[in-house]
Amino acid sequence: MSHAPIAVVRARNSVAPQLVPRCRGTSIQVLLGPESGVPNFITRQFTVEPGGRIPCHRHDTIEHEQVILDGAMVISLDGRETEVAAGDSIFIPAGVSHWYENRGSAAVRF
């Protein structure tokens, strides 16, 4: 017997940020996911402090859809560097190598 999904609203400030292993100056908040009653989708928010970095990595089966909420940073998608800023949207298909670096003086949230 399957259950119908329930609607979930979760305040960002109700989720404590956690430092991201192997990253510099980066924290994550998992806002929605299986632990909050959302079984098939995960919404995360990252904060990258000035000088912070998420090293190059890739996911064979996971794609990313991201929106820059605050600040500006440089990202690399398959070796191509691009500057992104608040209001920009990013789509990263599965299998694409990517990294993020905050070279500015203000935190970046995405």
PDB file of N, CA and C in Angstrom:
ATOM      1  N   MET A   1       0.846  -1.173   0.000  1.00  0.00           N
ATOM      2  CA  MET A   1       0.000   0.000   0.000  1.00  0.00           C
ATOM      3  C   MET A   1       0.894   1.240   0.000  1.00  0.00           C
ATOM      4  N   SER A   2       0.690   2.121  -0.961  1.00  0.00           N
ATOM      5  CA  SER A   2       1.502   3.340  -0.993  1.00  0.00           C
ATOM      6  C   SER A   2       0.718   4.490  -0.384  1.00  0.00           C
ATOM      7  N   HIS A   3       1.461   5.421   0.166  1.00  0.00           N
ATOM      8  CA  HIS A   3       0.852   6.585   0.789  1.00  0.00           C
ATOM      9  C   HIS A   3       1.060   7.789  -0.098  1.00  0.00           C
ATOM     10  N   ALA A   4       0.056   8.647  -0.150  1.00  0.00           N
ATOM     11  CA  ALA A   4       0.185   9.881  -0.925  1.00  0.00           C
ATOM     12  C   ALA A   4       1.216  10.777  -0.253  1.00  0.00           C
ATOM     13  N   PRO A   5       2.044  11.461  -1.041  1.00  0.00           N
ATOM     14  CA  PRO A   5       3.025  12.366  -0.437  1.00  0.00           C
ATOM     15  C   PRO A   5       2.334  13.513   0.290  1.00  0.00           C
ATOM     16  N   ILE A   6       3.004  14.037   1.292  1.00  0.00           N
ATOM     17  CA  ILE A   6       2.466  15.172   2.034  1.00  0.00           C
ATOM     18  C   ILE A   6       3.239  16.429   1.646  1.00  0.00           C
ATOM     19  N   ALA A   7       2.570  17.558   1.740  1.00  0.00           N
ATOM     20  CA  ALA A   7       3.235  18.834   1.481  1.00  0.00           C
ATOM     21  C   ALA A   7       4.122  19.177   2.675  1.00  0.00           C
ATOM     22  N   VAL A   8       5.292  19.735   2.402  1.00  0.00           N
ATOM     23  CA  VAL A   8       6.244  20.075   3.460  1.00  0.00           C
ATOM     24  C   VAL A   8       6.764  21.485   3.223  1.00  0.00           C
ATOM     25  N   VAL A   9       6.747  22.299   4.270  1.00  0.00           N
ATOM     26  CA  VAL A   9       7.391  23.611   4.259  1.00  0.00           C
ATOM     27  C   VAL A   9       8.385  23.602   5.404  1.00  0.00           C
ATOM     28  N   ARG A  10       9.624  23.983   5.126  1.00  0.00           N
ATOM     29  CA  ARG A  10      10.655  23.937   6.164  1.00  0.00           C
ATOM     30  C   ARG A  10      11.450  25.231   6.136  1.00  0.00           C
ATOM     31  N   ALA A  11      11.534  25.896   7.260  1.00  0.00           N
ATOM     32  CA  ALA A  11      12.283  27.153   7.361  1.00  0.00           C
ATOM     33  C   ALA A  11      13.782  26.874   7.338  1.00  0.00           C
ATOM     34  N   ARG A  12      14.521  27.665   6.567  1.00  0.00           N
ATOM     35  CA  ARG A  12      15.971  27.497   6.470  1.00  0.00           C
ATOM     36  C   ARG A  12      16.628  27.576   7.835  1.00  0.00           C
ATOM     37  N   ASN A  13      16.164  28.507   8.689  1.00  0.00           N
ATOM     38  CA  ASN A  13      16.808  28.673  10.000  1.00  0.00           C
ATOM     39  C   ASN A  13      16.456  27.550  10.982  1.00  0.00           C
ATOM     40  N   SER A  14      15.631  26.602  10.562  1.00  0.00           N
ATOM     41  CA  SER A  14      15.338  25.452  11.427  1.00  0.00           C
ATOM     42  C   SER A  14      16.326  24.303  11.200  1.00  0.00           C
ATOM     43  N   VAL A  15      17.228  24.468  10.234  1.00  0.00           N
ATOM     44  CA  VAL A  15      18.199  23.422   9.893  1.00  0.00           C
ATOM     45  C   VAL A  15      19.603  23.944  10.178  1.00  0.00           C
ATOM     46  N   ALA A  16      20.310  23.282  11.078  1.00  0.00           N
ATOM     47  CA  ALA A  16      21.672  23.715  11.423  1.00  0.00           C
ATOM     48  C   ALA A  16      22.629  23.429  10.271  1.00  0.00           C
ATOM     49  N   PRO A  17      23.474  24.405   9.912  1.00  0.00           N
ATOM     50  CA  PRO A  17      24.483  24.146   8.875  1.00  0.00           C
ATOM     51  C   PRO A  17      25.531  23.154   9.376  1.00  0.00           C
ATOM     52  N   GLN A  18      26.002  22.317   8.468  1.00  0.00           N
ATOM     53  CA  GLN A  18      27.045  21.335   8.768  1.00  0.00           C
ATOM     54  C   GLN A  18      28.230  21.600   7.843  1.00  0.00           C
ATOM     55  N   LEU A  19      29.442  21.518   8.372  1.00  0.00           N
ATOM     56  CA  LEU A  19      30.625  21.671   7.523  1.00  0.00           C
ATOM     57  C   LEU A  19      30.688  20.519   6.528  1.00  0.00           C
ATOM     58  N   VAL A  20      31.105  20.828   5.298  1.00  0.00           N
ATOM     59  CA  VAL A  20      31.194  19.811   4.254  1.00  0.00           C
ATOM     60  C   VAL A  20      32.606  19.221   4.263  1.00  0.00           C
ATOM     61  N   PRO A  21      32.728  17.908   4.485  1.00  0.00           N
ATOM     62  CA  PRO A  21      34.057  17.279   4.480  1.00  0.00           C
ATOM     63  C   PRO A  21      34.765  17.493   3.143  1.00  0.00           C
ATOM     64  N   ARG A  22      36.076  17.592   3.174  1.00  0.00           N
ATOM     65  CA  ARG A  22      36.930  17.746   1.996  1.00  0.00           C
ATOM     66  C   ARG A  22      36.726  19.065   1.265  1.00  0.00           C
ATOM     67  N   CYS A  23      35.985  19.985   1.854  1.00  0.00           N
ATOM     68  CA  CYS A  23      35.789  21.315   1.271  1.00  0.00           C
ATOM     69  C   CYS A  23      36.377  22.351   2.212  1.00  0.00           C
ATOM     70  N   ARG A  24      36.709  23.507   1.683  1.00  0.00           N
ATOM     71  CA  ARG A  24      37.258  24.587   2.504  1.00  0.00           C
ATOM     72  C   ARG A  24      36.196  25.674   2.645  1.00  0.00           C
ATOM     73  N   GLY A  25      35.882  26.052   3.902  1.00  0.00           N
ATOM     74  CA  GLY A  25      34.973  27.163   4.157  1.00  0.00           C
ATOM     75  C   GLY A  25      33.582  26.974   3.605  1.00  0.00           C
ATOM     76  N   THR A  26      33.078  25.737   3.631  1.00  0.00           N
ATOM     77  CA  THR A  26      31.786  25.435   3.014  1.00  0.00           C
ATOM     78  C   THR A  26      30.894  24.687   3.995  1.00  0.00           C
ATOM     79  N   SER A  27      29.639  25.142   4.093  1.00  0.00           N
ATOM     80  CA  SER A  27      28.655  24.440   4.917  1.00  0.00           C
ATOM     81  C   SER A  27      27.432  24.104   4.068  1.00  0.00           C
ATOM     82  N   ILE A  28      26.668  23.123   4.551  1.00  0.00           N
ATOM     83  CA  ILE A  28      25.473  22.659   3.850  1.00  0.00           C
ATOM     84  C   ILE A  28      24.315  22.586   4.823  1.00  0.00           C
ATOM     85  N   GLN A  29      23.125  22.861   4.317  1.00  0.00           N
ATOM     86  CA  GLN A  29      21.879  22.622   5.041  1.00  0.00           C
ATOM     87  C   GLN A  29      21.006  21.769   4.126  1.00  0.00           C
ATOM     88  N   VAL A  30      20.601  20.596   4.583  1.00  0.00           N
ATOM     89  CA  VAL A  30      19.673  19.766   3.819  1.00  0.00           C
ATOM     90  C   VAL A  30      18.277  20.194   4.243  1.00  0.00           C
ATOM     91  N   LEU A  31      17.623  20.962   3.370  1.00  0.00           N
ATOM     92  CA  LEU A  31      16.333  21.557   3.713  1.00  0.00           C
ATOM     93  C   LEU A  31      15.177  20.583   3.523  1.00  0.00           C
ATOM     94  N   LEU A  32      15.198  19.826   2.439  1.00  0.00           N
ATOM     95  CA  LEU A  32      14.160  18.834   2.169  1.00  0.00           C
ATOM     96  C   LEU A  32      14.817  17.555   1.679  1.00  0.00           C
ATOM     97  N   GLY A  33      14.280  16.436   2.105  1.00  0.00           N
ATOM     98  CA  GLY A  33      14.797  15.135   1.691  1.00  0.00           C
ATOM     99  C   GLY A  33      14.068  14.043   2.447  1.00  0.00           C
ATOM    100  N   PRO A  34      14.546  12.821   2.352  1.00  0.00           N
ATOM    101  CA  PRO A  34      13.871  11.702   3.011  1.00  0.00           C
ATOM    102  C   PRO A  34      13.637  11.915   4.509  1.00  0.00           C
ATOM    103  N   GLU A  35      14.602  12.558   5.191  1.00  0.00           N
ATOM    104  CA  GLU A  35      14.454  12.767   6.637  1.00  0.00           C
ATOM    105  C   GLU A  35      13.323  13.737   6.983  1.00  0.00           C
ATOM    106  N   SER A  36      12.916  14.569   6.020  1.00  0.00           N
ATOM    107  CA  SER A  36      11.838  15.527   6.279  1.00  0.00           C
ATOM    108  C   SER A  36      10.545  15.124   5.576  1.00  0.00           C
ATOM    109  N   GLY A  37      10.460  13.873   5.132  1.00  0.00           N
ATOM    110  CA  GLY A  37       9.230  13.384   4.525  1.00  0.00           C
ATOM    111  C   GLY A  37       9.149  13.567   3.021  1.00  0.00           C
ATOM    112  N   VAL A  38      10.268  13.902   2.370  1.00  0.00           N
ATOM    113  CA  VAL A  38      10.301  14.077   0.914  1.00  0.00           C
ATOM    114  C   VAL A  38      11.175  12.948   0.347  1.00  0.00           C
ATOM    115  N   PRO A  39      10.571  11.846  -0.099  1.00  0.00           N
ATOM    116  CA  PRO A  39      11.351  10.650  -0.408  1.00  0.00           C
ATOM    117  C   PRO A  39      12.141  10.674  -1.717  1.00  0.00           C
ATOM    118  N   ASN A  40      11.734  11.476  -2.695  1.00  0.00           N
ATOM    119  CA  ASN A  40      12.330  11.373  -4.028  1.00  0.00           C
ATOM    120  C   ASN A  40      13.071  12.616  -4.494  1.00  0.00           C
ATOM    121  N   PHE A  41      13.383  13.516  -3.594  1.00  0.00           N
ATOM    122  CA  PHE A  41      13.970  14.797  -3.990  1.00  0.00           C
ATOM    123  C   PHE A  41      14.756  15.349  -2.813  1.00  0.00           C
ATOM    124  N   ILE A  42      15.859  16.029  -3.093  1.00  0.00           N
ATOM    125  CA  ILE A  42      16.636  16.659  -2.024  1.00  0.00           C
ATOM    126  C   ILE A  42      16.885  18.114  -2.389  1.00  0.00           C
ATOM    127  N   THR A  43      16.558  19.013  -1.471  1.00  0.00           N
ATOM    128  CA  THR A  43      16.881  20.429  -1.626  1.00  0.00           C
ATOM    129  C   THR A  43      17.942  20.764  -0.596  1.00  0.00           C
ATOM    130  N   ARG A  44      19.091  21.259  -1.093  1.00  0.00           N
ATOM    131  CA  ARG A  44      20.203  21.601  -0.210  1.00  0.00           C
ATOM    132  C   ARG A  44      20.557  23.060  -0.427  1.00  0.00           C
ATOM    133  N   GLN A  45      21.082  23.673   0.610  1.00  0.00           N
ATOM    134  CA  GLN A  45      21.623  25.025   0.472  1.00  0.00           C
ATOM    135  C   GLN A  45      23.061  25.009   0.953  1.00  0.00           C
ATOM    136  N   PHE A  46      23.955  25.493   0.097  1.00  0.00           N
ATOM    137  CA  PHE A  46      25.368  25.600   0.438  1.00  0.00           C
ATOM    138  C   PHE A  46      25.707  27.049   0.730  1.00  0.00           C
ATOM    139  N   THR A  47      26.625  27.259   1.660  1.00  0.00           N
ATOM    140  CA  THR A  47      27.232  28.567   1.900  1.00  0.00           C
ATOM    141  C   THR A  47      28.733  28.385   1.756  1.00  0.00           C
ATOM    142  N   VAL A  48      29.322  29.179   0.854  1.00  0.00           N
ATOM    143  CA  VAL A  48      30.766  29.132   0.628  1.00  0.00           C
ATOM    144  C   VAL A  48      31.327  30.475   1.075  1.00  0.00           C
ATOM    145  N   GLU A  49      32.121  30.447   2.122  1.00  0.00           N
ATOM    146  CA  GLU A  49      32.706  31.668   2.681  1.00  0.00           C
ATOM    147  C   GLU A  49      33.808  32.202   1.758  1.00  0.00           C
ATOM    148  N   PRO A  50      34.186  33.488   1.910  1.00  0.00           N
ATOM    149  CA  PRO A  50      35.297  34.019   1.118  1.00  0.00           C
ATOM    150  C   PRO A  50      36.532  33.117   1.256  1.00  0.00           C
ATOM    151  N   GLY A  51      37.136  32.778   0.133  1.00  0.00           N
ATOM    152  CA  GLY A  51      38.274  31.863   0.133  1.00  0.00           C
ATOM    153  C   GLY A  51      37.879  30.400   0.169  1.00  0.00           C
ATOM    154  N   GLY A  52      36.581  30.127   0.280  1.00  0.00           N
ATOM    155  CA  GLY A  52      36.098  28.752   0.347  1.00  0.00           C
ATOM    156  C   GLY A  52      36.085  28.082  -1.015  1.00  0.00           C
ATOM    157  N   ARG A  53      36.076  26.742  -0.970  1.00  0.00           N
ATOM    158  CA  ARG A  53      36.160  25.987  -2.222  1.00  0.00           C
ATOM    159  C   ARG A  53      35.532  24.611  -2.057  1.00  0.00           C
ATOM    160  N   ILE A  54      34.818  24.183  -3.088  1.00  0.00           N
ATOM    161  CA  ILE A  54      34.353  22.804  -3.213  1.00  0.00           C
ATOM    162  C   ILE A  54      35.198  22.196  -4.333  1.00  0.00           C
ATOM    163  N   PRO A  55      36.020  21.181  -4.034  1.00  0.00           N
ATOM    164  CA  PRO A  55      36.955  20.668  -5.042  1.00  0.00           C
ATOM    165  C   PRO A  55      36.255  19.955  -6.200  1.00  0.00           C
ATOM    166  N   CYS A  56      37.020  19.724  -7.242  1.00  0.00           N
ATOM    167  CA  CYS A  56      36.503  19.082  -8.446  1.00  0.00           C
ATOM    168  C   CYS A  56      35.970  17.684  -8.123  1.00  0.00           C
ATOM    169  N   HIS A  57      34.760  17.426  -8.619  1.00  0.00           N
ATOM    170  CA  HIS A  57      34.131  16.124  -8.446  1.00  0.00           C
ATOM    171  C   HIS A  57      33.082  15.951  -9.538  1.00  0.00           C
ATOM    172  N   ARG A  58      32.515  14.774  -9.602  1.00  0.00           N
ATOM    173  CA  ARG A  58      31.423  14.517 -10.537  1.00  0.00           C
ATOM    174  C   ARG A  58      30.538  13.418  -9.980  1.00  0.00           C
ATOM    175  N   HIS A  59      29.334  13.342 -10.502  1.00  0.00           N
ATOM    176  CA  HIS A  59      28.363  12.343 -10.077  1.00  0.00           C
ATOM    177  C   HIS A  59      27.891  11.602 -11.325  1.00  0.00           C
ATOM    178  N   ASP A  60      28.002  10.302 -11.322  1.00  0.00           N
ATOM    179  CA  ASP A  60      27.634   9.529 -12.507  1.00  0.00           C
ATOM    180  C   ASP A  60      26.127   9.465 -12.744  1.00  0.00           C
ATOM    181  N   THR A  61      25.328   9.587 -11.678  1.00  0.00           N
ATOM    182  CA  THR A  61      23.878   9.412 -11.833  1.00  0.00           C
ATOM    183  C   THR A  61      23.058  10.577 -11.299  1.00  0.00           C
ATOM    184  N   ILE A  62      23.708  11.619 -10.793  1.00  0.00           N
ATOM    185  CA  ILE A  62      22.980  12.738 -10.179  1.00  0.00           C
ATOM    186  C   ILE A  62      23.230  13.999 -10.985  1.00  0.00           C
ATOM    187  N   GLU A  63      22.159  14.731 -11.282  1.00  0.00           N
ATOM    188  CA  GLU A  63      22.295  16.050 -11.895  1.00  0.00           C
ATOM    189  C   GLU A  63      22.019  17.109 -10.841  1.00  0.00           C
ATOM    190  N   HIS A  64      22.485  18.324 -11.104  1.00  0.00           N
ATOM    191  CA  HIS A  64      22.245  19.438 -10.185  1.00  0.00           C
ATOM    192  C   HIS A  64      21.484  20.546 -10.909  1.00  0.00           C
ATOM    193  N   GLU A  65      20.515  21.105 -10.220  1.00  0.00           N
ATOM    194  CA  GLU A  65      19.866  22.344 -10.624  1.00  0.00           C
ATOM    195  C   GLU A  65      20.107  23.304  -9.472  1.00  0.00           C
ATOM    196  N   GLN A  66      20.755  24.433  -9.737  1.00  0.00           N
ATOM    197  CA  GLN A  66      21.163  25.337  -8.663  1.00  0.00           C
ATOM    198  C   GLN A  66      20.811  26.778  -9.017  1.00  0.00           C
ATOM    199  N   VAL A  67      20.522  27.566  -7.986  1.00  0.00           N
ATOM    200  CA  VAL A  67      20.275  29.003  -8.129  1.00  0.00           C
ATOM    201  C   VAL A  67      21.182  29.717  -7.139  1.00  0.00           C
ATOM    202  N   ILE A  68      21.915  30.714  -7.612  1.00  0.00           N
ATOM    203  CA  ILE A  68      22.761  31.513  -6.727  1.00  0.00           C
ATOM    204  C   ILE A  68      21.855  32.513  -6.020  1.00  0.00           C
ATOM    205  N   LEU A  69      21.801  32.431  -4.692  1.00  0.00           N
ATOM    206  CA  LEU A  69      20.931  33.296  -3.891  1.00  0.00           C
ATOM    207  C   LEU A  69      21.621  34.590  -3.496  1.00  0.00           C
ATOM    208  N   ASP A  70      22.880  34.506  -3.088  1.00  0.00           N
ATOM    209  CA  ASP A  70      23.660  35.672  -2.642  1.00  0.00           C
ATOM    210  C   ASP A  70      25.094  35.505  -3.099  1.00  0.00           C
ATOM    211  N   GLY A  71      25.739  36.636  -3.422  1.00  0.00           N
ATOM    212  CA  GLY A  71      27.167  36.633  -3.698  1.00  0.00           C
ATOM    213  C   GLY A  71      27.511  36.244  -5.122  1.00  0.00           C
ATOM    214  N   ALA A  72      28.809  36.041  -5.349  1.00  0.00           N
ATOM    215  CA  ALA A  72      29.339  35.659  -6.660  1.00  0.00           C
ATOM    216  C   ALA A  72      30.512  34.720  -6.446  1.00  0.00           C
ATOM    217  N   MET A  73      30.712  33.806  -7.400  1.00  0.00           N
ATOM    218  CA  MET A  73      31.831  32.867  -7.316  1.00  0.00           C
ATOM    219  C   MET A  73      32.173  32.370  -8.710  1.00  0.00           C
ATOM    220  N   VAL A  74      33.267  31.645  -8.792  1.00  0.00           N
ATOM    221  CA  VAL A  74      33.688  31.012 -10.034  1.00  0.00           C
ATOM    222  C   VAL A  74      33.360  29.530  -9.936  1.00  0.00           C
ATOM    223  N   ILE A  75      32.770  28.995 -11.012  1.00  0.00           N
ATOM    224  CA  ILE A  75      32.541  27.556 -11.093  1.00  0.00           C
ATOM    225  C   ILE A  75      33.271  27.035 -12.330  1.00  0.00           C
ATOM    226  N   SER A  76      33.580  25.761 -12.313  1.00  0.00           N
ATOM    227  CA  SER A  76      34.157  25.112 -13.485  1.00  0.00           C
ATOM    228  C   SER A  76      33.254  23.951 -13.857  1.00  0.00           C
ATOM    229  N   LEU A  77      32.879  23.904 -15.131  1.00  0.00           N
ATOM    230  CA  LEU A  77      32.061  22.820 -15.669  1.00  0.00           C
ATOM    231  C   LEU A  77      32.862  22.147 -16.777  1.00  0.00           C
ATOM    232  N   ASP A  78      33.307  20.927 -16.526  1.00  0.00           N
ATOM    233  CA  ASP A  78      34.164  20.200 -17.469  1.00  0.00           C
ATOM    234  C   ASP A  78      35.359  21.035 -17.909  1.00  0.00           C
ATOM    235  N   GLY A  79      35.985  21.740 -16.944  1.00  0.00           N
ATOM    236  CA  GLY A  79      37.197  22.502 -17.217  1.00  0.00           C
ATOM    237  C   GLY A  79      36.986  23.907 -17.740  1.00  0.00           C
ATOM    238  N   ARG A  80      35.742  24.332 -17.901  1.00  0.00           N
ATOM    239  CA  ARG A  80      35.434  25.672 -18.399  1.00  0.00           C
ATOM    240  C   ARG A  80      34.985  26.553 -17.234  1.00  0.00           C
ATOM    241  N   GLU A  81      35.793  27.553 -16.875  1.00  0.00           N
ATOM    242  CA  GLU A  81      35.473  28.442 -15.750  1.00  0.00           C
ATOM    243  C   GLU A  81      34.455  29.500 -16.169  1.00  0.00           C
ATOM    244  N   THR A  82      33.507  29.758 -15.251  1.00  0.00           N
ATOM    245  CA  THR A  82      32.468  30.753 -15.466  1.00  0.00           C
ATOM    246  C   THR A  82      32.202  31.454 -14.146  1.00  0.00           C
ATOM    247  N   GLU A  83      32.010  32.774 -14.181  1.00  0.00           N
ATOM    248  CA  GLU A  83      31.604  33.487 -12.974  1.00  0.00           C
ATOM    249  C   GLU A  83      30.088  33.503 -12.913  1.00  0.00           C
ATOM    250  N   VAL A  84      29.557  33.190 -11.730  1.00  0.00           N
ATOM    251  CA  VAL A  84      28.117  33.226 -11.499  1.00  0.00           C
ATOM    252  C   VAL A  84      27.838  34.147 -10.319  1.00  0.00           C
ATOM    253  N   ALA A  85      26.644  34.746 -10.321  1.00  0.00           N
ATOM    254  CA  ALA A  85      26.283  35.705  -9.278  1.00  0.00           C
ATOM    255  C   ALA A  85      24.814  35.541  -8.919  1.00  0.00           C
ATOM    256  N   ALA A  86      24.403  36.215  -7.848  1.00  0.00           N
ATOM    257  CA  ALA A  86      23.031  36.142  -7.349  1.00  0.00           C
ATOM    258  C   ALA A  86      22.036  36.291  -8.497  1.00  0.00           C
ATOM    259  N   GLY A  87      21.080  35.372  -8.537  1.00  0.00           N
ATOM    260  CA  GLY A  87      20.057  35.375  -9.568  1.00  0.00           C
ATOM    261  C   GLY A  87      20.343  34.425 -10.720  1.00  0.00           C
ATOM    262  N   ASP A  88      21.597  33.974 -10.865  1.00  0.00           N
ATOM    263  CA  ASP A  88      21.952  33.057 -11.950  1.00  0.00           C
ATOM    264  C   ASP A  88      21.500  31.638 -11.622  1.00  0.00           C
ATOM    265  N   SER A  89      21.149  30.893 -12.665  1.00  0.00           N
ATOM    266  CA  SER A  89      20.761  29.486 -12.537  1.00  0.00           C
ATOM    267  C   SER A  89      21.790  28.612 -13.228  1.00  0.00           C
ATOM    268  N   ILE A  90      22.001  27.419 -12.681  1.00  0.00           N
ATOM    269  CA  ILE A  90      23.005  26.489 -13.187  1.00  0.00           C
ATOM    270  C   ILE A  90      22.357  25.113 -13.326  1.00  0.00           C
ATOM    271  N   PHE A  91      22.629  24.445 -14.436  1.00  0.00           N
ATOM    272  CA  PHE A  91      22.251  23.044 -14.600  1.00  0.00           C
ATOM    273  C   PHE A  91      23.526  22.263 -14.878  1.00  0.00           C
ATOM    274  N   ILE A  92      23.777  21.225 -14.081  1.00  0.00           N
ATOM    275  CA  ILE A  92      24.957  20.379 -14.251  1.00  0.00           C
ATOM    276  C   ILE A  92      24.469  18.948 -14.494  1.00  0.00           C
ATOM    277  N   PRO A  93      24.591  18.450 -15.732  1.00  0.00           N
ATOM    278  CA  PRO A  93      24.158  17.080 -16.011  1.00  0.00           C
ATOM    279  C   PRO A  93      25.024  16.056 -15.279  1.00  0.00           C
ATOM    280  N   ALA A  94      24.480  14.878 -15.092  1.00  0.00           N
ATOM    281  CA  ALA A  94      25.259  13.768 -14.531  1.00  0.00           C
ATOM    282  C   ALA A  94      26.493  13.552 -15.399  1.00  0.00           C
ATOM    283  N   GLY A  95      27.623  13.258 -14.751  1.00  0.00           N
ATOM    284  CA  GLY A  95      28.854  12.968 -15.464  1.00  0.00           C
ATOM    285  C   GLY A  95      29.733  14.165 -15.758  1.00  0.00           C
ATOM    286  N   VAL A  96      29.262  15.384 -15.465  1.00  0.00           N
ATOM    287  CA  VAL A  96      30.053  16.592 -15.727  1.00  0.00           C
ATOM    288  C   VAL A  96      30.899  16.920 -14.499  1.00  0.00           C
ATOM    289  N   SER A  97      32.211  17.015 -14.681  1.00  0.00           N
ATOM    290  CA  SER A  97      33.110  17.411 -13.587  1.00  0.00           C
ATOM    291  C   SER A  97      32.865  18.878 -13.262  1.00  0.00           C
ATOM    292  N   HIS A  98      32.851  19.195 -11.955  1.00  0.00           N
ATOM    293  CA  HIS A  98      32.580  20.581 -11.560  1.00  0.00           C
ATOM    294  C   HIS A  98      33.238  20.907 -10.228  1.00  0.00           C
ATOM    295  N   TRP A  99      33.562  22.213 -10.055  1.00  0.00           N
ATOM    296  CA  TRP A  99      34.067  22.727  -8.785  1.00  0.00           C
ATOM    297  C   TRP A  99      33.571  24.150  -8.616  1.00  0.00           C
ATOM    298  N   TYR A 100      33.673  24.642  -7.372  1.00  0.00           N
ATOM    299  CA  TYR A 100      33.194  25.979  -7.012  1.00  0.00           C
ATOM    300  C   TYR A 100      34.272  26.662  -6.181  1.00  0.00           C
ATOM    301  N   GLU A 101      34.464  27.972  -6.388  1.00  0.00           N
ATOM    302  CA  GLU A 101      35.445  28.712  -5.595  1.00  0.00           C
ATOM    303  C   GLU A 101      34.963  30.148  -5.383  1.00  0.00           C
ATOM    304  N   ASN A 102      34.944  30.559  -4.117  1.00  0.00           N
ATOM    305  CA  ASN A 102      34.567  31.933  -3.775  1.00  0.00           C
ATOM    306  C   ASN A 102      35.837  32.768  -3.681  1.00  0.00           C
ATOM    307  N   ARG A 103      36.081  33.570  -4.702  1.00  0.00           N
ATOM    308  CA  ARG A 103      37.260  34.435  -4.740  1.00  0.00           C
ATOM    309  C   ARG A 103      36.940  35.846  -4.263  1.00  0.00           C
ATOM    310  N   GLY A 104      35.702  36.073  -3.839  1.00  0.00           N
ATOM    311  CA  GLY A 104      35.261  37.404  -3.430  1.00  0.00           C
ATOM    312  C   GLY A 104      35.419  37.647  -1.941  1.00  0.00           C
ATOM    313  N   SER A 105      34.782  38.722  -1.478  1.00  0.00           N
ATOM    314  CA  SER A 105      34.889  39.127  -0.072  1.00  0.00           C
ATOM    315  C   SER A 105      33.598  38.900   0.709  1.00  0.00           C
ATOM    316  N   ALA A 106      32.580  38.313   0.074  1.00  0.00           N
ATOM    317  CA  ALA A 106      31.301  38.047   0.742  1.00  0.00           C
ATOM    318  C   ALA A 106      30.931  36.580   0.542  1.00  0.00           C
ATOM    319  N   ALA A 107      30.173  36.039   1.487  1.00  0.00           N
ATOM    320  CA  ALA A 107      29.725  34.647   1.386  1.00  0.00           C
ATOM    321  C   ALA A 107      28.803  34.469   0.183  1.00  0.00           C
ATOM    322  N   VAL A 108      28.823  33.263  -0.369  1.00  0.00           N
ATOM    323  CA  VAL A 108      27.941  32.882  -1.471  1.00  0.00           C
ATOM    324  C   VAL A 108      26.970  31.837  -0.944  1.00  0.00           C
ATOM    325  N   ARG A 109      25.684  32.017  -1.268  1.00  0.00           N
ATOM    326  CA  ARG A 109      24.676  31.003  -0.927  1.00  0.00           C
ATOM    327  C   ARG A 109      24.049  30.511  -2.219  1.00  0.00           C
ATOM    328  N   PHE A 110      23.946  29.192  -2.324  1.00  0.00           N
ATOM    329  CA  PHE A 110      23.254  28.614  -3.481  1.00  0.00           C
ATOM    330  C   PHE A 110      22.615  27.291  -3.099  1.00  0.00           C
TER     331      PHE A 110
END
